[in-house]
Amino acid sequence: MNEDKITVLAERGKEVLIKLEGCEVIKGYVYNTLRYEWWFDKEKMKQGIPGDDGGHIYCRGFAGVPEEEVIEAFNKSVFKE
């Protein structure tokens, strides 16, 4: 498996929206992958901590959703921490 290519799509305060593009090899076939992550705390993103034992969520993931919709949701703050 190759490392994901990470692209920052939007930032606001401590929040950041990223796109992750990668690939998986399954039984000799290469599959491209694409997902989005909305981090509510940029420092937790840098540390790779999506949540903690206290029930705090620092990251929401999206797959199978058009990029425009994810960006629109981020810009409208549809989801709250």
C-alpha atoms as a PDB file:
ATOM      1  CA  MET A   1       0.000   0.000   0.000  1.00  0.00           C
ATOM      2  CA  ASN A   2       1.275   3.452  -0.897  1.00  0.00           C
ATOM      3  CA  GLU A   3       1.027   6.407   1.424  1.00  0.00           C
ATOM      4  CA  ASP A   4      -1.941   8.682   0.879  1.00  0.00           C
ATOM      5  CA  LYS A   5      -1.522  11.957  -0.968  1.00  0.00           C
ATOM      6  CA  ILE A   6      -2.979  14.625   1.321  1.00  0.00           C
ATOM      7  CA  THR A   7      -4.476  17.863  -0.024  1.00  0.00           C
ATOM      8  CA  VAL A   8      -5.824  20.611   2.237  1.00  0.00           C
ATOM      9  CA  LEU A   9      -9.135  21.760   0.758  1.00  0.00           C
ATOM     10  CA  ALA A  10     -10.189  24.334   3.360  1.00  0.00           C
ATOM     11  CA  GLU A  11      -9.234  25.706   6.764  1.00  0.00           C
ATOM     12  CA  ARG A  12     -11.108  27.721   9.348  1.00  0.00           C
ATOM     13  CA  GLY A  13      -9.673  28.450  12.776  1.00  0.00           C
ATOM     14  CA  LYS A  14      -8.609  25.114  14.282  1.00  0.00           C
ATOM     15  CA  GLU A  15     -10.634  23.147  11.700  1.00  0.00           C
ATOM     16  CA  VAL A  16      -9.224  21.672   8.496  1.00  0.00           C
ATOM     17  CA  LEU A  17     -10.759  19.707   5.618  1.00  0.00           C
ATOM     18  CA  ILE A  18      -8.423  17.351   3.773  1.00  0.00           C
ATOM     19  CA  LYS A  19      -8.633  15.013   0.799  1.00  0.00           C
ATOM     20  CA  LEU A  20      -6.724  11.725   0.942  1.00  0.00           C
ATOM     21  CA  GLU A  21      -5.937   9.891  -2.289  1.00  0.00           C
ATOM     22  CA  GLY A  22      -4.240   6.528  -2.250  1.00  0.00           C
ATOM     23  CA  CYS A  23      -4.403   2.996  -3.539  1.00  0.00           C
ATOM     24  CA  GLU A  24      -4.841  -0.515  -2.246  1.00  0.00           C
ATOM     25  CA  VAL A  25      -3.584  -3.695  -3.869  1.00  0.00           C
ATOM     26  CA  ILE A  26      -5.928  -6.639  -3.418  1.00  0.00           C
ATOM     27  CA  LYS A  27      -5.061  -9.967  -5.013  1.00  0.00           C
ATOM     28  CA  GLY A  28      -2.789  -8.227  -7.494  1.00  0.00           C
ATOM     29  CA  TYR A  29      -5.347  -5.611  -8.558  1.00  0.00           C
ATOM     30  CA  VAL A  30      -4.759  -1.936  -7.811  1.00  0.00           C
ATOM     31  CA  TYR A  31      -7.720   0.070  -6.523  1.00  0.00           C
ATOM     32  CA  ASN A  32      -7.547   3.844  -6.193  1.00  0.00           C
ATOM     33  CA  THR A  33      -8.999   5.223  -2.976  1.00  0.00           C
ATOM     34  CA  LEU A  34     -10.441   8.631  -2.168  1.00  0.00           C
ATOM     35  CA  ARG A  35     -11.773   9.921   1.111  1.00  0.00           C
ATOM     36  CA  TYR A  36     -12.150  13.194   2.961  1.00  0.00           C
ATOM     37  CA  GLU A  37     -11.513  14.010   6.601  1.00  0.00           C
ATOM     38  CA  TRP A  38     -12.876  17.000   8.502  1.00  0.00           C
ATOM     39  CA  TRP A  39     -10.695  17.642  11.515  1.00  0.00           C
ATOM     40  CA  PHE A  40     -12.067  19.835  14.294  1.00  0.00           C
ATOM     41  CA  ASP A  41      -8.626  20.268  15.864  1.00  0.00           C
ATOM     42  CA  LYS A  42      -5.610  20.698  13.584  1.00  0.00           C
ATOM     43  CA  GLU A  43      -3.185  19.743  16.364  1.00  0.00           C
ATOM     44  CA  LYS A  44      -4.984  16.424  16.887  1.00  0.00           C
ATOM     45  CA  MET A  45      -4.746  15.848  13.112  1.00  0.00           C
ATOM     46  CA  LYS A  46      -0.984  16.362  13.218  1.00  0.00           C
ATOM     47  CA  GLN A  47      -0.808  13.860  16.091  1.00  0.00           C
ATOM     48  CA  GLY A  48      -3.116  11.381  14.310  1.00  0.00           C
ATOM     49  CA  ILE A  49      -5.681  11.349  17.146  1.00  0.00           C
ATOM     50  CA  PRO A  50      -9.237  11.094  15.690  1.00  0.00           C
ATOM     51  CA  GLY A  51     -10.878  10.793  19.126  1.00  0.00           C
ATOM     52  CA  ASP A  52     -10.217  10.059  22.771  1.00  0.00           C
ATOM     53  CA  ASP A  53     -11.519   7.834  25.574  1.00  0.00           C
ATOM     54  CA  GLY A  54     -13.633  10.695  26.899  1.00  0.00           C
ATOM     55  CA  GLY A  55     -15.867  10.567  23.827  1.00  0.00           C
ATOM     56  CA  HIS A  56     -14.430  13.636  22.115  1.00  0.00           C
ATOM     57  CA  ILE A  57     -14.416  13.326  18.328  1.00  0.00           C
ATOM     58  CA  TYR A  58     -11.731  15.281  16.479  1.00  0.00           C
ATOM     59  CA  CYS A  59     -12.324  13.912  12.980  1.00  0.00           C
ATOM     60  CA  ARG A  60     -15.215  12.960  10.706  1.00  0.00           C
ATOM     61  CA  GLY A  61     -14.619  10.925   7.578  1.00  0.00           C
ATOM     62  CA  PHE A  62     -16.421  10.957   4.250  1.00  0.00           C
ATOM     63  CA  ALA A  63     -16.257   8.541   1.319  1.00  0.00           C
ATOM     64  CA  GLY A  64     -18.506   8.209  -1.709  1.00  0.00           C
ATOM     65  CA  VAL A  65     -19.543  11.855  -1.469  1.00  0.00           C
ATOM     66  CA  PRO A  66     -18.769  14.408  -4.203  1.00  0.00           C
ATOM     67  CA  GLU A  67     -15.978  16.800  -3.243  1.00  0.00           C
ATOM     68  CA  GLU A  68     -18.217  19.820  -3.822  1.00  0.00           C
ATOM     69  CA  GLU A  69     -20.716  18.544  -1.232  1.00  0.00           C
ATOM     70  CA  VAL A  70     -18.023  17.962   1.376  1.00  0.00           C
ATOM     71  CA  ILE A  71     -16.630  21.470   0.848  1.00  0.00           C
ATOM     72  CA  GLU A  72     -20.141  22.945   1.002  1.00  0.00           C
ATOM     73  CA  ALA A  73     -20.843  21.113   4.279  1.00  0.00           C
ATOM     74  CA  PHE A  74     -17.564  22.399   5.731  1.00  0.00           C
ATOM     75  CA  ASN A  75     -18.288  25.961   4.625  1.00  0.00           C
ATOM     76  CA  LYS A  76     -21.821  25.829   6.043  1.00  0.00           C
ATOM     77  CA  SER A  77     -20.717  24.047   9.230  1.00  0.00           C
ATOM     78  CA  VAL A  78     -23.403  21.388   8.772  1.00  0.00           C
ATOM     79  CA  PHE A  79     -21.618  19.113  11.240  1.00  0.00           C
ATOM     80  CA  LYS A  80     -20.632  20.263  14.705  1.00  0.00           C
ATOM     81  CA  GLU A  81     -17.910  18.938  16.981  1.00  0.00           C
END
